[in-house]
Amino acid sequence: MSEDPGRRLGLVVDASRLDLGLSKQDLAKVARVGRSTITDLINRGKVPGRAATRSRIEAALGWIAGSFDAVLGGAEPALRSDTSYPLSGSTKVLVEQLAQISEEAHAGAVAAETLSRRLRAIGELAESAAHLAAREPRRSSPAP
């Protein structure tokens, strides 16, 4: 039994969406379609009937026009070579904040590793000192 073309399209759309890091809601917003359109396509293989809706989803995924039909026919979608997503002002701020958080996290990890090594060395010295302190003092042997 062959796979339903609509379900296959839904799986390919879902994989492409995930590759782009988009939620279903994000894809719906970028494509300017209802979330239920995306959910029905991905979860149930329900192919949108309107060509304009299909074109919007193709464009949002960075596919060339006609990729829906290609996938329904068993092929893979073709990506546009000029696909780019311009960043809004708030997205640029978010990207900068995330980059700063990443740098701070890396610096914190390096500092934590340094402190960890120091604490390990202090622990080893304290353990050695405890063993030395626990030893009984040497008794001098009786003089002949």
Protein backbone atom coordinates (compact mmCIF):
# COMPACT_ATOMS: atom_id res chain seq x y z
CA MET A 1 0.00 0.00 0.00
CA SER A 2 1.48 3.35 -1.03
CA GLU A 3 1.71 6.37 1.23
CA ASP A 4 -1.02 9.00 0.96
CA PRO A 5 0.43 11.99 -0.97
CA GLY A 6 -1.25 14.48 1.38
CA ARG A 7 0.27 12.82 4.45
CA ARG A 8 3.67 12.75 2.73
CA LEU A 9 3.36 16.47 1.98
CA GLY A 10 2.44 17.08 5.63
CA LEU A 11 5.54 15.21 6.80
CA VAL A 12 7.80 17.13 4.39
CA VAL A 13 6.27 20.48 5.43
CA ASP A 14 6.71 19.54 9.09
CA ALA A 15 10.37 18.56 8.58
CA SER A 16 11.07 21.80 6.70
CA ARG A 17 9.31 23.82 9.40
CA LEU A 18 11.43 22.18 12.08
CA ASP A 19 14.61 22.73 10.05
CA LEU A 20 13.79 26.44 10.02
CA GLY A 21 13.12 26.40 13.76
CA LEU A 22 9.50 27.46 13.31
CA SER A 23 6.55 26.42 15.40
CA LYS A 24 3.31 25.67 13.60
CA GLN A 25 2.05 29.06 14.75
CA ASP A 26 5.19 30.77 13.45
CA LEU A 27 4.82 29.10 10.06
CA ALA A 28 1.18 30.18 9.91
CA LYS A 29 2.16 33.78 10.69
CA VAL A 30 4.99 33.87 8.15
CA ALA A 31 2.75 32.29 5.50
CA ARG A 32 -0.19 34.51 6.46
CA VAL A 33 -2.54 31.56 6.79
CA GLY A 34 -4.57 30.20 9.69
CA ARG A 35 -2.89 27.93 12.20
CA SER A 36 -5.56 25.33 11.52
CA THR A 37 -4.47 25.25 7.86
CA ILE A 38 -0.93 24.31 8.96
CA THR A 39 -2.15 21.89 11.62
CA ASP A 40 -4.55 20.17 9.20
CA LEU A 41 -1.79 19.81 6.62
CA ILE A 42 0.85 18.49 9.02
CA ASN A 43 -1.35 16.31 11.24
CA ARG A 44 -3.95 15.05 8.76
CA GLY A 45 -2.40 15.51 5.33
CA LYS A 46 -5.21 17.89 4.31
CA VAL A 47 -3.80 19.84 1.34
CA PRO A 48 -5.04 23.44 1.14
CA GLY A 49 -7.43 23.84 -1.79
CA ARG A 50 -6.51 27.40 -2.70
CA ALA A 51 -3.43 27.91 -4.87
CA ALA A 52 -2.72 31.20 -3.04
CA THR A 53 -2.58 29.39 0.31
CA ARG A 54 -0.23 26.74 -1.07
CA SER A 55 1.99 29.44 -2.58
CA ARG A 56 2.18 31.31 0.72
CA ILE A 57 3.24 28.17 2.59
CA GLU A 58 5.81 27.32 -0.11
CA ALA A 59 7.26 30.83 0.13
CA ALA A 60 7.35 30.71 3.95
CA LEU A 61 9.32 27.45 3.78
CA GLY A 62 11.72 28.87 1.17
CA TRP A 63 10.44 26.52 -1.55
CA ILE A 64 10.07 27.48 -5.18
CA ALA A 65 6.56 27.73 -6.63
CA GLY A 66 5.14 24.35 -7.53
CA SER A 67 6.95 22.44 -4.78
CA PHE A 68 3.64 21.32 -3.23
CA ASP A 69 2.72 19.62 -6.49
CA ALA A 70 6.21 18.11 -6.78
CA VAL A 71 6.00 16.61 -3.28
CA LEU A 72 2.47 15.34 -3.95
CA GLY A 73 3.93 13.65 -7.04
CA GLY A 74 6.61 11.91 -4.99
CA ALA A 75 9.54 14.32 -5.51
CA GLU A 76 11.31 16.57 -3.03
CA PRO A 77 10.63 20.31 -2.71
CA ALA A 78 13.05 22.66 -4.45
CA LEU A 79 14.51 25.45 -2.34
CA ARG A 80 14.80 29.01 -3.56
CA SER A 81 18.40 30.16 -3.64
CA ASP A 82 17.48 33.69 -2.59
CA THR A 83 15.59 32.76 0.56
CA SER A 84 16.25 35.12 3.42
CA TYR A 85 14.11 36.25 6.27
CA PRO A 86 14.55 39.93 7.11
CA LEU A 87 14.73 40.56 10.83
CA SER A 88 12.38 43.01 12.51
CA GLY A 89 13.73 45.47 15.05
CA SER A 90 12.57 43.41 18.01
CA THR A 91 14.04 40.25 16.46
CA LYS A 92 17.40 41.98 15.99
CA VAL A 93 17.36 42.99 19.65
CA LEU A 94 16.51 39.42 20.62
CA VAL A 95 19.33 38.04 18.45
CA GLU A 96 21.81 40.43 20.07
CA GLN A 97 20.60 39.52 23.56
CA LEU A 98 20.86 35.81 22.82
CA ALA A 99 24.40 36.27 21.46
CA GLN A 100 25.35 38.14 24.64
CA ILE A 101 23.79 35.43 26.81
CA SER A 102 25.76 32.83 24.86
CA GLU A 103 29.03 34.69 25.42
CA GLU A 104 28.28 35.12 29.13
CA ALA A 105 27.37 31.45 29.48
CA HIS A 106 30.64 30.43 27.81
CA ALA A 107 32.65 32.75 30.05
CA GLY A 108 30.77 31.40 33.08
CA ALA A 109 31.53 27.83 32.05
CA VAL A 110 35.24 28.63 31.71
CA ALA A 111 35.24 30.33 35.13
CA ALA A 112 33.35 27.40 36.67
CA GLU A 113 35.89 24.93 35.27
CA THR A 114 38.76 27.00 36.69
CA LEU A 115 37.06 27.14 40.11
CA SER A 116 36.33 23.42 39.94
CA ARG A 117 40.03 22.65 39.38
CA ARG A 118 41.02 24.95 42.26
CA LEU A 119 38.48 23.37 44.60
CA ARG A 120 39.68 19.89 43.62
CA ALA A 121 43.27 20.89 44.44
CA ILE A 122 42.20 22.42 47.78
CA GLY A 123 40.27 19.26 48.62
CA GLU A 124 43.27 17.06 47.83
CA LEU A 125 45.56 19.26 49.96
CA ALA A 126 43.08 19.19 52.85
CA GLU A 127 42.82 15.40 52.59
CA SER A 128 46.61 15.06 52.63
CA ALA A 129 46.85 17.38 55.62
CA ALA A 130 44.19 15.36 57.45
CA HIS A 131 46.13 12.13 56.87
CA LEU A 132 49.33 13.73 58.08
CA ALA A 133 47.65 15.14 61.15
CA ALA A 134 46.08 11.77 61.97
CA ARG A 135 49.45 10.00 62.05
CA GLU A 136 50.85 9.36 65.47
CA PRO A 137 54.06 11.15 66.17
CA ARG A 138 57.14 8.99 65.82
CA ARG A 139 58.41 7.66 69.04
CA SER A 140 62.04 7.90 69.45
CA SER A 141 63.65 4.58 70.05
CA PRO A 142 65.17 4.08 73.54
CA ALA A 143 68.78 4.98 73.77
CA PRO A 144 71.11 2.07 74.33
